[in-house]
């Protein structure tokens, strides 16, 4: 059977991808993204981006809960946003 460059890259990244799944299972998205730094496969690139996105959403959710608690105490803050989005957009633009 013939293998493509993409198949070889996934093989090289397989251990990192398996470890990433473990981090996903416990909602450790920032760690999952870190594990995939430097991986070359399309699969790892997608999982790293998705991990960073989910990390940002988790942080945004935590900020929002904090915002709700502070608002009840009369403290006002701006709406929480996913802080990972600008970096993800840059990475996607560079990947093109």
C-alpha atoms as a PDB file:
ATOM      1  CA  UNK A   1       0.000   0.000   0.000  1.00  0.00           C
ATOM      2  CA  UNK A   2       1.141   3.523  -0.647  1.00  0.00           C
ATOM      3  CA  UNK A   3       1.165   6.174   2.041  1.00  0.00           C
ATOM      4  CA  UNK A   4       0.843   9.882   1.539  1.00  0.00           C
ATOM      5  CA  UNK A   5       2.744  12.649   3.309  1.00  0.00           C
ATOM      6  CA  UNK A   6      -0.428  13.431   5.326  1.00  0.00           C
ATOM      7  CA  UNK A   7      -0.613   9.781   6.472  1.00  0.00           C
ATOM      8  CA  UNK A   8       3.029   9.883   7.556  1.00  0.00           C
ATOM      9  CA  UNK A   9       2.484  13.140   9.480  1.00  0.00           C
ATOM     10  CA  UNK A  10      -0.491  11.653  11.371  1.00  0.00           C
ATOM     11  CA  UNK A  11       1.697   8.674  12.268  1.00  0.00           C
ATOM     12  CA  UNK A  12       4.374  11.003  13.623  1.00  0.00           C
ATOM     13  CA  UNK A  13       1.764  12.892  15.658  1.00  0.00           C
ATOM     14  CA  UNK A  14      -0.261   9.883  16.863  1.00  0.00           C
ATOM     15  CA  UNK A  15       1.142   9.801  20.425  1.00  0.00           C
ATOM     16  CA  UNK A  16       0.409  13.510  20.866  1.00  0.00           C
ATOM     17  CA  UNK A  17      -3.093  13.066  19.453  1.00  0.00           C
ATOM     18  CA  UNK A  18      -3.817  10.232  21.897  1.00  0.00           C
ATOM     19  CA  UNK A  19      -2.570  12.329  24.833  1.00  0.00           C
ATOM     20  CA  UNK A  20      -4.731  15.214  23.588  1.00  0.00           C
ATOM     21  CA  UNK A  21      -7.804  12.985  23.740  1.00  0.00           C
ATOM     22  CA  UNK A  22      -7.058  12.313  27.403  1.00  0.00           C
ATOM     23  CA  UNK A  23      -6.882  16.047  28.087  1.00  0.00           C
ATOM     24  CA  UNK A  24     -10.161  16.564  26.195  1.00  0.00           C
ATOM     25  CA  UNK A  25     -11.831  13.964  28.415  1.00  0.00           C
ATOM     26  CA  UNK A  26     -11.007  16.035  31.515  1.00  0.00           C
ATOM     27  CA  UNK A  27     -11.649  19.426  29.847  1.00  0.00           C
ATOM     28  CA  UNK A  28      -7.970  20.473  29.976  1.00  0.00           C
ATOM     29  CA  UNK A  29      -8.079  22.227  26.608  1.00  0.00           C
ATOM     30  CA  UNK A  30      -5.071  24.510  27.156  1.00  0.00           C
ATOM     31  CA  UNK A  31      -2.895  21.480  27.918  1.00  0.00           C
ATOM     32  CA  UNK A  32      -4.272  19.670  24.872  1.00  0.00           C
ATOM     33  CA  UNK A  33      -3.286  22.603  22.657  1.00  0.00           C
ATOM     34  CA  UNK A  34       0.188  22.721  24.209  1.00  0.00           C
ATOM     35  CA  UNK A  35       0.808  19.025  23.537  1.00  0.00           C
ATOM     36  CA  UNK A  36       0.060  19.557  19.845  1.00  0.00           C
ATOM     37  CA  UNK A  37       2.492  22.450  19.329  1.00  0.00           C
ATOM     38  CA  UNK A  38       4.908  21.539  16.570  1.00  0.00           C
ATOM     39  CA  UNK A  39       2.781  18.688  15.201  1.00  0.00           C
ATOM     40  CA  UNK A  40       2.579  18.664  11.394  1.00  0.00           C
ATOM     41  CA  UNK A  41      -0.553  16.716  10.467  1.00  0.00           C
ATOM     42  CA  UNK A  42      -3.820  18.312   9.421  1.00  0.00           C
ATOM     43  CA  UNK A  43      -5.551  16.355  12.177  1.00  0.00           C
ATOM     44  CA  UNK A  44      -3.220  17.742  14.849  1.00  0.00           C
ATOM     45  CA  UNK A  45      -3.572  21.280  13.436  1.00  0.00           C
ATOM     46  CA  UNK A  46      -7.367  21.005  13.634  1.00  0.00           C
ATOM     47  CA  UNK A  47      -7.321  19.522  17.146  1.00  0.00           C
ATOM     48  CA  UNK A  48      -4.916  22.198  18.356  1.00  0.00           C
ATOM     49  CA  UNK A  49      -7.116  24.977  16.985  1.00  0.00           C
ATOM     50  CA  UNK A  50     -10.233  23.382  18.407  1.00  0.00           C
ATOM     51  CA  UNK A  51      -8.504  22.937  21.772  1.00  0.00           C
ATOM     52  CA  UNK A  52      -7.546  26.600  21.848  1.00  0.00           C
ATOM     53  CA  UNK A  53     -11.087  27.610  20.899  1.00  0.00           C
ATOM     54  CA  UNK A  54     -12.585  25.428  23.648  1.00  0.00           C
ATOM     55  CA  UNK A  55     -10.043  26.775  26.131  1.00  0.00           C
ATOM     56  CA  UNK A  56     -11.169  30.290  25.287  1.00  0.00           C
ATOM     57  CA  UNK A  57     -14.827  29.319  25.619  1.00  0.00           C
ATOM     58  CA  UNK A  58     -14.170  27.681  28.988  1.00  0.00           C
ATOM     59  CA  UNK A  59     -12.391  30.823  30.182  1.00  0.00           C
ATOM     60  CA  UNK A  60     -15.190  33.013  28.800  1.00  0.00           C
ATOM     61  CA  UNK A  61     -17.759  30.906  30.638  1.00  0.00           C
ATOM     62  CA  UNK A  62     -15.799  31.220  33.880  1.00  0.00           C
ATOM     63  CA  UNK A  63     -15.543  34.992  33.361  1.00  0.00           C
ATOM     64  CA  UNK A  64     -19.263  35.154  32.691  1.00  0.00           C
ATOM     65  CA  UNK A  65     -20.040  33.308  35.931  1.00  0.00           C
ATOM     66  CA  UNK A  66     -17.736  35.682  37.766  1.00  0.00           C
ATOM     67  CA  UNK A  67     -19.460  38.585  36.021  1.00  0.00           C
ATOM     68  CA  UNK A  68     -22.877  37.317  37.152  1.00  0.00           C
ATOM     69  CA  UNK A  69     -21.691  37.049  40.765  1.00  0.00           C
ATOM     70  CA  UNK A  70     -20.087  40.502  40.685  1.00  0.00           C
ATOM     71  CA  UNK A  71     -23.136  42.035  39.027  1.00  0.00           C
ATOM     72  CA  UNK A  72     -25.242  40.777  41.915  1.00  0.00           C
ATOM     73  CA  UNK A  73     -22.836  42.712  44.178  1.00  0.00           C
ATOM     74  CA  UNK A  74     -23.167  45.863  42.055  1.00  0.00           C
ATOM     75  CA  UNK A  75     -19.810  45.524  40.208  1.00  0.00           C
ATOM     76  CA  UNK A  76     -20.047  46.180  36.437  1.00  0.00           C
ATOM     77  CA  UNK A  77     -17.657  44.769  33.813  1.00  0.00           C
ATOM     78  CA  UNK A  78     -17.721  44.407  30.026  1.00  0.00           C
ATOM     79  CA  UNK A  79     -19.096  41.265  28.404  1.00  0.00           C
ATOM     80  CA  UNK A  80     -16.661  38.328  28.348  1.00  0.00           C
ATOM     81  CA  UNK A  81     -15.247  37.295  24.963  1.00  0.00           C
ATOM     82  CA  UNK A  82     -13.223  34.328  23.737  1.00  0.00           C
ATOM     83  CA  UNK A  83      -9.674  35.673  23.995  1.00  0.00           C
ATOM     84  CA  UNK A  84      -8.291  32.872  21.796  1.00  0.00           C
ATOM     85  CA  UNK A  85     -10.083  33.983  18.625  1.00  0.00           C
ATOM     86  CA  UNK A  86      -7.566  36.604  17.394  1.00  0.00           C
ATOM     87  CA  UNK A  87      -4.692  34.120  17.703  1.00  0.00           C
ATOM     88  CA  UNK A  88      -6.680  31.405  15.966  1.00  0.00           C
ATOM     89  CA  UNK A  89      -7.488  33.735  13.080  1.00  0.00           C
ATOM     90  CA  UNK A  90      -3.776  34.567  12.700  1.00  0.00           C
ATOM     91  CA  UNK A  91      -2.812  30.875  12.692  1.00  0.00           C
ATOM     92  CA  UNK A  92      -5.460  30.074  10.084  1.00  0.00           C
ATOM     93  CA  UNK A  93      -4.312  32.951   7.879  1.00  0.00           C
ATOM     94  CA  UNK A  94      -0.694  31.769   8.127  1.00  0.00           C
ATOM     95  CA  UNK A  95      -1.688  28.188   7.299  1.00  0.00           C
ATOM     96  CA  UNK A  96      -3.278  29.200   3.975  1.00  0.00           C
END
